[in-house]
Amino acid sequence: MPIVKIEMGKATRELKKELIEKLTDTLSQTTNMPKQSFTIIINEESADNFGIGGVQLSEMKKSH
């Protein structure tokens, strides 16, 4: 049973639903495996939890 994990910022319920449906469809078509074989996990992360070049992503967003 393949598991696909997505790390992303906050998303609406509708966007997550669309991601799950489209990813599952694409994976199923590409691998010729049934859709029921796939598990999609979406982890929503806060911009406070990421740093690039020593700067918190939430702080980078404030300066732009």
Protein backbone atom coordinates (compact mmCIF):
# COMPACT_ATOMS: atom_id res chain seq x y z
CA MET A 1 0.00 0.00 0.00
CA PRO A 2 1.81 3.17 -1.18
CA ILE A 3 1.65 6.16 1.14
CA VAL A 4 2.11 9.69 -0.19
CA LYS A 5 2.87 12.45 2.32
CA ILE A 6 2.50 16.13 1.52
CA GLU A 7 3.96 18.87 3.71
CA MET A 8 2.33 22.23 3.05
CA GLY A 9 0.96 25.37 4.62
CA LYS A 10 -2.63 25.79 5.71
CA ALA A 11 -5.16 24.83 3.05
CA THR A 12 -8.91 24.81 2.74
CA ARG A 13 -10.90 21.62 3.05
CA GLU A 14 -11.84 21.95 -0.63
CA LEU A 15 -8.21 22.22 -1.76
CA LYS A 16 -7.19 19.18 0.29
CA LYS A 17 -10.11 17.20 -1.14
CA GLU A 18 -9.05 18.14 -4.68
CA LEU A 19 -5.41 17.22 -4.00
CA ILE A 20 -6.39 13.83 -2.61
CA GLU A 21 -8.68 13.05 -5.55
CA LYS A 22 -6.29 14.20 -8.29
CA LEU A 23 -3.20 12.61 -6.77
CA THR A 24 -5.01 9.33 -6.27
CA ASP A 25 -6.32 9.37 -9.86
CA THR A 26 -2.88 10.12 -11.29
CA LEU A 27 -1.12 7.51 -9.17
CA SER A 28 -3.70 4.87 -10.03
CA GLN A 29 -3.49 5.58 -13.77
CA THR A 30 0.32 5.70 -13.78
CA THR A 31 0.88 2.52 -11.78
CA ASN A 32 -2.20 0.53 -12.91
CA MET A 33 -2.99 -0.04 -9.25
CA PRO A 34 -6.51 0.40 -7.83
CA LYS A 35 -7.27 3.72 -6.14
CA GLN A 36 -7.92 1.89 -2.88
CA SER A 37 -4.20 1.01 -2.78
CA PHE A 38 -3.15 4.58 -2.05
CA THR A 39 -3.11 6.57 1.17
CA ILE A 40 -2.58 10.33 0.97
CA ILE A 41 -1.48 12.16 4.12
CA ILE A 42 -1.47 15.96 4.24
CA ASN A 43 0.50 17.61 7.04
CA GLU A 44 -0.23 21.30 7.42
CA GLU A 45 2.67 23.27 8.78
CA SER A 46 2.89 26.80 10.09
CA ALA A 47 5.34 29.21 8.47
CA ASP A 48 6.76 29.59 12.01
CA ASN A 49 8.07 26.02 11.75
CA PHE A 50 10.33 26.61 8.73
CA GLY A 51 13.56 28.52 8.37
CA ILE A 52 15.51 29.39 5.25
CA GLY A 53 18.96 30.91 5.53
CA GLY A 54 18.54 31.37 9.25
CA VAL A 55 15.29 33.32 8.90
CA GLN A 56 11.89 32.05 9.93
CA LEU A 57 9.57 31.76 6.91
CA SER A 58 6.85 33.75 8.70
CA GLU A 59 9.32 36.62 9.13
CA MET A 60 10.28 36.47 5.45
CA LYS A 61 6.64 36.85 4.47
CA LYS A 62 6.29 39.97 6.66
CA SER A 63 9.18 41.74 4.91
CA HIS A 64 7.70 41.26 1.41
